[in-house]
Amino acid sequence: MSATFHDLNGEVDEAVFNFPCDFPIKAMGKHTEHFEGTVVSIVRKHCPDIGENSVMSRPSKGGKFISVTVTVRATSKSQLDNLYLELTALEEVLWAL
């Protein structure tokens, strides 16, 4: 199964994915002790088979912010859409890619 993604303006993104595929989810927020765990918890709800080496965190240069990248085995566009909707609904998440 393949899917075509759209950008924020509704334009078709030329990237086409063949599901299932490995897909990195990145979220950025203020560097708190709970941010990484919160992001991973939400990702795990949508992709329960996250591997041990699937999570990478990186603080900003000044340490005020942190980005958390979780590589998941995506099975559908709707799975990714639902995951992004839940992540971006969190006040702590400044942006998600």
PDB file of N, CA and C in Angstrom:
ATOM      1  N   MET A   1       0.842  -1.167   0.000  1.00  0.00           N
ATOM      2  CA  MET A   1       0.000   0.000   0.000  1.00  0.00           C
ATOM      3  C   MET A   1       0.887   1.229   0.000  1.00  0.00           C
ATOM      4  N   SER A   2       0.577   2.232  -0.795  1.00  0.00           N
ATOM      5  CA  SER A   2       1.333   3.481  -0.786  1.00  0.00           C
ATOM      6  C   SER A   2       0.397   4.627  -0.485  1.00  0.00           C
ATOM      7  N   ALA A   3       0.986   5.720  -0.014  1.00  0.00           N
ATOM      8  CA  ALA A   3       0.187   6.893   0.333  1.00  0.00           C
ATOM      9  C   ALA A   3       0.933   8.134  -0.110  1.00  0.00           C
ATOM     10  N   THR A   4       0.204   9.163  -0.472  1.00  0.00           N
ATOM     11  CA  THR A   4       0.794  10.432  -0.818  1.00  0.00           C
ATOM     12  C   THR A   4       0.479  11.411   0.295  1.00  0.00           C
ATOM     13  N   PHE A   5       1.496  12.109   0.801  1.00  0.00           N
ATOM     14  CA  PHE A   5       1.306  13.055   1.881  1.00  0.00           C
ATOM     15  C   PHE A   5       1.114  14.452   1.318  1.00  0.00           C
ATOM     16  N   HIS A   6       0.424  15.303   2.065  1.00  0.00           N
ATOM     17  CA  HIS A   6       0.171  16.680   1.678  1.00  0.00           C
ATOM     18  C   HIS A   6       0.877  17.593   2.657  1.00  0.00           C
ATOM     19  N   ASP A   7       1.359  18.760   2.166  1.00  0.00           N
ATOM     20  CA  ASP A   7       1.989  19.700   3.082  1.00  0.00           C
ATOM     21  C   ASP A   7       0.917  20.537   3.768  1.00  0.00           C
ATOM     22  N   LEU A   8       1.338  21.513   4.571  1.00  0.00           N
ATOM     23  CA  LEU A   8       0.392  22.317   5.348  1.00  0.00           C
ATOM     24  C   LEU A   8      -0.541  23.154   4.475  1.00  0.00           C
ATOM     25  N   ASN A   9      -0.159  23.413   3.239  1.00  0.00           N
ATOM     26  CA  ASN A   9      -1.000  24.187   2.324  1.00  0.00           C
ATOM     27  C   ASN A   9      -1.923  23.296   1.507  1.00  0.00           C
ATOM     28  N   GLY A  10      -1.927  22.008   1.788  1.00  0.00           N
ATOM     29  CA  GLY A  10      -2.771  21.089   1.047  1.00  0.00           C
ATOM     30  C   GLY A  10      -2.164  20.633  -0.264  1.00  0.00           C
ATOM     31  N   GLU A  11      -0.931  21.043  -0.522  1.00  0.00           N
ATOM     32  CA  GLU A  11      -0.251  20.642  -1.743  1.00  0.00           C
ATOM     33  C   GLU A  11       0.249  19.211  -1.603  1.00  0.00           C
ATOM     34  N   VAL A  12       0.195  18.471  -2.678  1.00  0.00           N
ATOM     35  CA  VAL A  12       0.652  17.086  -2.645  1.00  0.00           C
ATOM     36  C   VAL A  12       2.166  17.056  -2.484  1.00  0.00           C
ATOM     37  N   ASP A  13       2.623  16.321  -1.492  1.00  0.00           N
ATOM     38  CA  ASP A  13       4.036  16.095  -1.293  1.00  0.00           C
ATOM     39  C   ASP A  13       4.421  14.933  -2.203  1.00  0.00           C
ATOM     40  N   GLU A  14       5.450  15.106  -2.968  1.00  0.00           N
ATOM     41  CA  GLU A  14       5.832  14.083  -3.944  1.00  0.00           C
ATOM     42  C   GLU A  14       6.369  12.808  -3.301  1.00  0.00           C
ATOM     43  N   ALA A  15       6.680  12.874  -2.014  1.00  0.00           N
ATOM     44  CA  ALA A  15       7.190  11.679  -1.340  1.00  0.00           C
ATOM     45  C   ALA A  15       6.078  10.643  -1.242  1.00  0.00           C
ATOM     46  N   VAL A  16       6.372   9.455  -1.673  1.00  0.00           N
ATOM     47  CA  VAL A  16       5.412   8.360  -1.606  1.00  0.00           C
ATOM     48  C   VAL A  16       6.036   7.267  -0.746  1.00  0.00           C
ATOM     49  N   PHE A  17       5.245   6.766   0.182  1.00  0.00           N
ATOM     50  CA  PHE A  17       5.731   5.743   1.083  1.00  0.00           C
ATOM     51  C   PHE A  17       5.045   4.424   0.786  1.00  0.00           C
ATOM     52  N   ASN A  18       5.808   3.364   0.858  1.00  0.00           N
ATOM     53  CA  ASN A  18       5.251   2.017   0.754  1.00  0.00           C
ATOM     54  C   ASN A  18       5.183   1.446   2.165  1.00  0.00           C
ATOM     55  N   PHE A  19       3.972   1.196   2.618  1.00  0.00           N
ATOM     56  CA  PHE A  19       3.779   0.673   3.971  1.00  0.00           C
ATOM     57  C   PHE A  19       3.811  -0.841   3.960  1.00  0.00           C
ATOM     58  N   PRO A  20       4.341  -1.468   4.983  1.00  0.00           N
ATOM     59  CA  PRO A  20       4.969  -0.871   6.155  1.00  0.00           C
ATOM     60  C   PRO A  20       6.356  -0.339   5.821  1.00  0.00           C
ATOM     61  N   CYS A  21       6.795   0.678   6.597  1.00  0.00           N
ATOM     62  CA  CYS A  21       8.123   1.261   6.411  1.00  0.00           C
ATOM     63  C   CYS A  21       8.612   1.835   7.735  1.00  0.00           C
ATOM     64  N   ASP A  22       9.926   1.966   7.861  1.00  0.00           N
ATOM     65  CA  ASP A  22      10.501   2.623   9.024  1.00  0.00           C
ATOM     66  C   ASP A  22      10.341   4.126   8.825  1.00  0.00           C
ATOM     67  N   PHE A  23       9.868   4.819   9.865  1.00  0.00           N
ATOM     68  CA  PHE A  23       9.542   6.231   9.738  1.00  0.00           C
ATOM     69  C   PHE A  23       9.956   6.962  11.011  1.00  0.00           C
ATOM     70  N   PRO A  24      10.810   7.998  10.901  1.00  0.00           N
ATOM     71  CA  PRO A  24      11.216   8.744  12.093  1.00  0.00           C
ATOM     72  C   PRO A  24      10.172   9.803  12.464  1.00  0.00           C
ATOM     73  N   ILE A  25       9.779   9.807  13.722  1.00  0.00           N
ATOM     74  CA  ILE A  25       8.873  10.808  14.268  1.00  0.00           C
ATOM     75  C   ILE A  25       9.721  11.701  15.158  1.00  0.00           C
ATOM     76  N   LYS A  26       9.689  13.014  14.950  1.00  0.00           N
ATOM     77  CA  LYS A  26      10.488  13.913  15.763  1.00  0.00           C
ATOM     78  C   LYS A  26       9.575  14.934  16.422  1.00  0.00           C
ATOM     79  N   ALA A  27       9.766  15.123  17.729  1.00  0.00           N
ATOM     80  CA  ALA A  27       9.015  16.125  18.480  1.00  0.00           C
ATOM     81  C   ALA A  27      10.008  16.981  19.253  1.00  0.00           C
ATOM     82  N   MET A  28       9.720  18.278  19.335  1.00  0.00           N
ATOM     83  CA  MET A  28      10.583  19.183  20.083  1.00  0.00           C
ATOM     84  C   MET A  28       9.766  19.921  21.117  1.00  0.00           C
ATOM     85  N   GLY A  29      10.364  20.111  22.290  1.00  0.00           N
ATOM     86  CA  GLY A  29       9.695  20.834  23.363  1.00  0.00           C
ATOM     87  C   GLY A  29      10.701  21.325  24.377  1.00  0.00           C
ATOM     88  N   LYS A  30      10.200  21.940  25.443  1.00  0.00           N
ATOM     89  CA  LYS A  30      11.078  22.396  26.517  1.00  0.00           C
ATOM     90  C   LYS A  30      11.707  21.180  27.193  1.00  0.00           C
ATOM     91  N   HIS A  31      12.969  21.335  27.567  1.00  0.00           N
ATOM     92  CA  HIS A  31      13.722  20.239  28.164  1.00  0.00           C
ATOM     93  C   HIS A  31      13.309  20.074  29.626  1.00  0.00           C
ATOM     94  N   THR A  32      12.359  19.175  29.846  1.00  0.00           N
ATOM     95  CA  THR A  32      11.917  18.835  31.200  1.00  0.00           C
ATOM     96  C   THR A  32      12.221  17.369  31.434  1.00  0.00           C
ATOM     97  N   GLU A  33      12.131  16.935  32.681  1.00  0.00           N
ATOM     98  CA  GLU A  33      12.441  15.539  32.975  1.00  0.00           C
ATOM     99  C   GLU A  33      11.406  14.575  32.412  1.00  0.00           C
ATOM    100  N   HIS A  34      10.215  15.060  32.056  1.00  0.00           N
ATOM    101  CA  HIS A  34       9.142  14.171  31.596  1.00  0.00           C
ATOM    102  C   HIS A  34       8.900  14.216  30.084  1.00  0.00           C
ATOM    103  N   PHE A  35       9.519  15.158  29.378  1.00  0.00           N
ATOM    104  CA  PHE A  35       9.185  15.339  27.963  1.00  0.00           C
ATOM    105  C   PHE A  35       9.442  14.079  27.138  1.00  0.00           C
ATOM    106  N   GLU A  36      10.622  13.510  27.230  1.00  0.00           N
ATOM    107  CA  GLU A  36      10.946  12.318  26.427  1.00  0.00           C
ATOM    108  C   GLU A  36       9.964  11.188  26.726  1.00  0.00           C
ATOM    109  N   GLY A  37       9.697  10.920  27.986  1.00  0.00           N
ATOM    110  CA  GLY A  37       8.780   9.852  28.368  1.00  0.00           C
ATOM    111  C   GLY A  37       7.373  10.081  27.844  1.00  0.00           C
ATOM    112  N   THR A  38       6.928  11.337  27.860  1.00  0.00           N
ATOM    113  CA  THR A  38       5.600  11.662  27.355  1.00  0.00           C
ATOM    114  C   THR A  38       5.514  11.399  25.860  1.00  0.00           C
ATOM    115  N   VAL A  39       6.523  11.829  25.110  1.00  0.00           N
ATOM    116  CA  VAL A  39       6.546  11.612  23.659  1.00  0.00           C
ATOM    117  C   VAL A  39       6.567  10.113  23.357  1.00  0.00           C
ATOM    118  N   VAL A  40       7.438   9.378  24.018  1.00  0.00           N
ATOM    119  CA  VAL A  40       7.550   7.938  23.774  1.00  0.00           C
ATOM    120  C   VAL A  40       6.246   7.234  24.125  1.00  0.00           C
ATOM    121  N   SER A  41       5.600   7.645  25.194  1.00  0.00           N
ATOM    122  CA  SER A  41       4.336   7.039  25.603  1.00  0.00           C
ATOM    123  C   SER A  41       3.259   7.213  24.530  1.00  0.00           C
ATOM    124  N   ILE A  42       3.170   8.400  23.967  1.00  0.00           N
ATOM    125  CA  ILE A  42       2.184   8.653  22.909  1.00  0.00           C
ATOM    126  C   ILE A  42       2.522   7.854  21.658  1.00  0.00           C
ATOM    127  N   VAL A  43       3.777   7.858  21.269  1.00  0.00           N
ATOM    128  CA  VAL A  43       4.189   7.095  20.087  1.00  0.00           C
ATOM    129  C   VAL A  43       3.880   5.613  20.289  1.00  0.00           C
ATOM    130  N   ARG A  44       4.147   5.106  21.482  1.00  0.00           N
ATOM    131  CA  ARG A  44       3.921   3.686  21.775  1.00  0.00           C
ATOM    132  C   ARG A  44       2.434   3.313  21.677  1.00  0.00           C
ATOM    133  N   LYS A  45       1.529   4.242  21.978  1.00  0.00           N
ATOM    134  CA  LYS A  45       0.095   3.966  21.840  1.00  0.00           C
ATOM    135  C   LYS A  45      -0.270   3.644  20.398  1.00  0.00           C
ATOM    136  N   HIS A  46       0.404   4.301  19.468  1.00  0.00           N
ATOM    137  CA  HIS A  46       0.099   4.124  18.041  1.00  0.00           C
ATOM    138  C   HIS A  46       0.999   3.093  17.370  1.00  0.00           C
ATOM    139  N   CYS A  47       2.176   2.878  17.945  1.00  0.00           N
ATOM    140  CA  CYS A  47       3.163   1.941  17.393  1.00  0.00           C
ATOM    141  C   CYS A  47       3.768   1.162  18.557  1.00  0.00           C
ATOM    142  N   PRO A  48       3.080   0.139  19.031  1.00  0.00           N
ATOM    143  CA  PRO A  48       3.500  -0.535  20.258  1.00  0.00           C
ATOM    144  C   PRO A  48       4.812  -1.309  20.180  1.00  0.00           C
ATOM    145  N   ASP A  49       5.318  -1.563  18.997  1.00  0.00           N
ATOM    146  CA  ASP A  49       6.522  -2.386  18.875  1.00  0.00           C
ATOM    147  C   ASP A  49       7.800  -1.564  18.719  1.00  0.00           C
ATOM    148  N   ILE A  50       7.934  -0.480  19.485  1.00  0.00           N
ATOM    149  CA  ILE A  50       9.137   0.348  19.445  1.00  0.00           C
ATOM    150  C   ILE A  50      10.309  -0.454  20.011  1.00  0.00           C
ATOM    151  N   GLY A  51      11.406  -0.495  19.258  1.00  0.00           N
ATOM    152  CA  GLY A  51      12.582  -1.219  19.708  1.00  0.00           C
ATOM    153  C   GLY A  51      13.423  -0.409  20.691  1.00  0.00           C
ATOM    154  N   GLU A  52      14.350  -1.082  21.370  1.00  0.00           N
ATOM    155  CA  GLU A  52      15.204  -0.425  22.359  1.00  0.00           C
ATOM    156  C   GLU A  52      16.027   0.710  21.770  1.00  0.00           C
ATOM    157  N   ASN A  53      16.537   0.536  20.580  1.00  0.00           N
ATOM    158  CA  ASN A  53      17.405   1.539  19.958  1.00  0.00           C
ATOM    159  C   ASN A  53      16.636   2.496  19.061  1.00  0.00           C
ATOM    160  N   SER A  54      15.340   2.578  19.234  1.00  0.00           N
ATOM    161  CA  SER A  54      14.505   3.397  18.357  1.00  0.00           C
ATOM    162  C   SER A  54      14.332   4.831  18.826  1.00  0.00           C
ATOM    163  N   VAL A  55      14.790   5.148  20.032  1.00  0.00           N
ATOM    164  CA  VAL A  55      14.583   6.485  20.594  1.00  0.00           C
ATOM    165  C   VAL A  55      15.923   7.194  20.722  1.00  0.00           C
ATOM    166  N   MET A  56      15.967   8.418  20.180  1.00  0.00           N
ATOM    167  CA  MET A  56      17.160   9.257  20.309  1.00  0.00           C
ATOM    168  C   MET A  56      16.718  10.637  20.781  1.00  0.00           C
ATOM    169  N   SER A  57      17.420  11.179  21.758  1.00  0.00           N
ATOM    170  CA  SER A  57      17.126  12.517  22.260  1.00  0.00           C
ATOM    171  C   SER A  57      18.350  13.393  22.109  1.00  0.00           C
ATOM    172  N   ARG A  58      18.082  14.676  21.851  1.00  0.00           N
ATOM    173  CA  ARG A  58      19.193  15.607  21.698  1.00  0.00           C
ATOM    174  C   ARG A  58      18.784  16.959  22.252  1.00  0.00           C
ATOM    175  N   PRO A  59      19.509  17.455  23.268  1.00  0.00           N
ATOM    176  CA  PRO A  59      19.186  18.774  23.802  1.00  0.00           C
ATOM    177  C   PRO A  59      19.672  19.871  22.854  1.00  0.00           C
ATOM    178  N   SER A  60      19.040  21.026  22.938  1.00  0.00           N
ATOM    179  CA  SER A  60      19.491  22.175  22.153  1.00  0.00           C
ATOM    180  C   SER A  60      20.833  22.653  22.698  1.00  0.00           C
ATOM    181  N   LYS A  61      21.477  23.517  21.958  1.00  0.00           N
ATOM    182  CA  LYS A  61      22.801  24.004  22.347  1.00  0.00           C
ATOM    183  C   LYS A  61      22.774  24.620  23.744  1.00  0.00           C
ATOM    184  N   GLY A  62      21.743  25.378  24.038  1.00  0.00           N
ATOM    185  CA  GLY A  62      21.635  26.013  25.346  1.00  0.00           C
ATOM    186  C   GLY A  62      20.994  25.136  26.398  1.00  0.00           C
ATOM    187  N   GLY A  63      20.455  23.974  25.996  1.00  0.00           N
ATOM    188  CA  GLY A  63      19.861  23.048  26.929  1.00  0.00           C
ATOM    189  C   GLY A  63      18.429  23.356  27.327  1.00  0.00           C
ATOM    190  N   LYS A  64      17.854  24.415  26.769  1.00  0.00           N
ATOM    191  CA  LYS A  64      16.480  24.793  27.126  1.00  0.00           C
ATOM    192  C   LYS A  64      15.446  23.892  26.459  1.00  0.00           C
ATOM    193  N   PHE A  65      15.773  23.370  25.291  1.00  0.00           N
ATOM    194  CA  PHE A  65      14.854  22.542  24.513  1.00  0.00           C
ATOM    195  C   PHE A  65      15.464  21.172  24.260  1.00  0.00           C
ATOM    196  N   ILE A  66      14.607  20.231  23.874  1.00  0.00           N
ATOM    197  CA  ILE A  66      15.073  18.888  23.543  1.00  0.00           C
ATOM    198  C   ILE A  66      14.264  18.370  22.358  1.00  0.00           C
ATOM    199  N   SER A  67      14.943  17.657  21.470  1.00  0.00           N
ATOM    200  CA  SER A  67      14.227  16.979  20.390  1.00  0.00           C
ATOM    201  C   SER A  67      14.299  15.485  20.658  1.00  0.00           C
ATOM    202  N   VAL A  68      13.186  14.828  20.448  1.00  0.00           N
ATOM    203  CA  VAL A  68      13.089  13.387  20.647  1.00  0.00           C
ATOM    204  C   VAL A  68      12.678  12.775  19.315  1.00  0.00           C
ATOM    205  N   THR A  69      13.491  11.856  18.809  1.00  0.00           N
ATOM    206  CA  THR A  69      13.189  11.164  17.565  1.00  0.00           C
ATOM    207  C   THR A  69      12.938   9.700  17.882  1.00  0.00           C
ATOM    208  N   VAL A  70      11.791   9.211  17.428  1.00  0.00           N
ATOM    209  CA  VAL A  70      11.433   7.806  17.620  1.00  0.00           C
ATOM    210  C   VAL A  70      11.205   7.211  16.232  1.00  0.00           C
ATOM    211  N   THR A  71      11.985   6.218  15.875  1.00  0.00           N
ATOM    212  CA  THR A  71      11.801   5.555  14.593  1.00  0.00           C
ATOM    213  C   THR A  71      10.838   4.395  14.797  1.00  0.00           C
ATOM    214  N   VAL A  72       9.740   4.433  14.038  1.00  0.00           N
ATOM    215  CA  VAL A  72       8.676   3.435  14.194  1.00  0.00           C
ATOM    216  C   VAL A  72       8.531   2.637  12.907  1.00  0.00           C
ATOM    217  N   ARG A  73       7.854   1.535  13.009  1.00  0.00           N
ATOM    218  CA  ARG A  73       7.474   0.749  11.830  1.00  0.00           C
ATOM    219  C   ARG A  73       6.051   1.173  11.502  1.00  0.00           C
ATOM    220  N   ALA A  74       5.907   2.109  10.578  1.00  0.00           N
ATOM    221  CA  ALA A  74       4.598   2.642  10.216  1.00  0.00           C
ATOM    222  C   ALA A  74       3.874   1.667   9.302  1.00  0.00           C
ATOM    223  N   THR A  75       2.584   1.494   9.565  1.00  0.00           N
ATOM    224  CA  THR A  75       1.799   0.554   8.771  1.00  0.00           C
ATOM    225  C   THR A  75       0.778   1.233   7.874  1.00  0.00           C
ATOM    226  N   SER A  76       0.490   2.533   8.131  1.00  0.00           N
ATOM    227  CA  SER A  76      -0.480   3.237   7.290  1.00  0.00           C
ATOM    228  C   SER A  76      -0.374   4.739   7.491  1.00  0.00           C
ATOM    229  N   LYS A  77      -0.893   5.479   6.541  1.00  0.00           N
ATOM    230  CA  LYS A  77      -0.934   6.930   6.649  1.00  0.00           C
ATOM    231  C   LYS A  77      -1.846   7.343   7.798  1.00  0.00           C
ATOM    232  N   SER A  78      -2.965   6.658   7.983  1.00  0.00           N
ATOM    233  CA  SER A  78      -3.880   7.023   9.067  1.00  0.00           C
ATOM    234  C   SER A  78      -3.211   6.824  10.431  1.00  0.00           C
ATOM    235  N   GLN A  79      -2.389   5.805  10.569  1.00  0.00           N
ATOM    236  CA  GLN A  79      -1.645   5.597  11.811  1.00  0.00           C
ATOM    237  C   GLN A  79      -0.762   6.815  12.091  1.00  0.00           C
ATOM    238  N   LEU A  80      -0.020   7.262  11.082  1.00  0.00           N
ATOM    239  CA  LEU A  80       0.857   8.422  11.248  1.00  0.00           C
ATOM    240  C   LEU A  80       0.054   9.694  11.497  1.00  0.00           C
ATOM    241  N   ASP A  81      -1.045   9.873  10.778  1.00  0.00           N
ATOM    242  CA  ASP A  81      -1.898  11.054  10.986  1.00  0.00           C
ATOM    243  C   ASP A  81      -2.400  11.121  12.419  1.00  0.00           C
ATOM    244  N   ASN A  82      -2.893  10.004  12.935  1.00  0.00           N
ATOM    245  CA  ASN A  82      -3.412   9.966  14.307  1.00  0.00           C
ATOM    246  C   ASN A  82      -2.305  10.230  15.324  1.00  0.00           C
ATOM    247  N   LEU A  83      -1.137   9.703  15.070  1.00  0.00           N
ATOM    248  CA  LEU A  83       0.001   9.923  15.950  1.00  0.00           C
ATOM    249  C   LEU A  83       0.372  11.403  15.981  1.00  0.00           C
ATOM    250  N   TYR A  84       0.490  12.033  14.816  1.00  0.00           N
ATOM    251  CA  TYR A  84       0.827  13.457  14.755  1.00  0.00           C
ATOM    252  C   TYR A  84      -0.256  14.320  15.397  1.00  0.00           C
ATOM    253  N   LEU A  85      -1.516  13.970  15.202  1.00  0.00           N
ATOM    254  CA  LEU A  85      -2.596  14.737  15.832  1.00  0.00           C
ATOM    255  C   LEU A  85      -2.477  14.704  17.350  1.00  0.00           C
ATOM    256  N   GLU A  86      -2.202  13.544  17.896  1.00  0.00           N
ATOM    257  CA  GLU A  86      -2.084  13.445  19.353  1.00  0.00           C
ATOM    258  C   GLU A  86      -0.837  14.159  19.867  1.00  0.00           C
ATOM    259  N   LEU A  87       0.268  14.027  19.159  1.00  0.00           N
ATOM    260  CA  LEU A  87       1.496  14.706  19.589  1.00  0.00           C
ATOM    261  C   LEU A  87       1.333  16.223  19.558  1.00  0.00           C
ATOM    262  N   THR A  88       0.806  16.744  18.472  1.00  0.00           N
ATOM    263  CA  THR A  88       0.705  18.198  18.337  1.00  0.00           C
ATOM    264  C   THR A  88      -0.391  18.799  19.212  1.00  0.00           C
ATOM    265  N   ALA A  89      -1.276  17.973  19.739  1.00  0.00           N
ATOM    266  CA  ALA A  89      -2.303  18.465  20.662  1.00  0.00           C
ATOM    267  C   ALA A  89      -1.716  18.737  22.049  1.00  0.00           C
ATOM    268  N   LEU A  90      -0.554  18.180  22.332  1.00  0.00           N
ATOM    269  CA  LEU A  90       0.087  18.396  23.629  1.00  0.00           C
ATOM    270  C   LEU A  90       0.666  19.797  23.706  1.00  0.00           C
ATOM    271  N   GLU A  91       0.400  20.464  24.788  1.00  0.00           N
ATOM    272  CA  GLU A  91       0.925  21.805  25.004  1.00  0.00           C
ATOM    273  C   GLU A  91       2.450  21.803  25.057  1.00  0.00           C
ATOM    274  N   GLU A  92       3.033  20.718  25.575  1.00  0.00           N
ATOM    275  CA  GLU A  92       4.483  20.626  25.727  1.00  0.00           C
ATOM    276  C   GLU A  92       5.216  20.503  24.392  1.00  0.00           C
ATOM    277  N   VAL A  93       4.537  20.002  23.363  1.00  0.00           N
ATOM    278  CA  VAL A  93       5.173  19.800  22.064  1.00  0.00           C
ATOM    279  C   VAL A  93       5.094  21.096  21.266  1.00  0.00           C
ATOM    280  N   LEU A  94       6.257  21.679  20.979  1.00  0.00           N
ATOM    281  CA  LEU A  94       6.304  22.908  20.209  1.00  0.00           C
ATOM    282  C   LEU A  94       6.107  22.647  18.721  1.00  0.00           C
ATOM    283  N   TRP A  95       6.675  21.552  18.239  1.00  0.00           N
ATOM    284  CA  TRP A  95       6.445  21.103  16.869  1.00  0.00           C
ATOM    285  C   TRP A  95       6.795  19.637  16.734  1.00  0.00           C
ATOM    286  N   ALA A  96       6.238  19.034  15.705  1.00  0.00           N
ATOM    287  CA  ALA A  96       6.500  17.627  15.412  1.00  0.00           C
ATOM    288  C   ALA A  96       6.674  17.468  13.917  1.00  0.00           C
ATOM    289  N   LEU A  97       7.618  16.643  13.548  1.00  0.00           N
ATOM    290  CA  LEU A  97       7.885  16.342  12.133  1.00  0.00           C
ATOM    291  C   LEU A  97       7.734  14.862  11.893  1.00  0.00           C
TER     292      LEU A  97
END
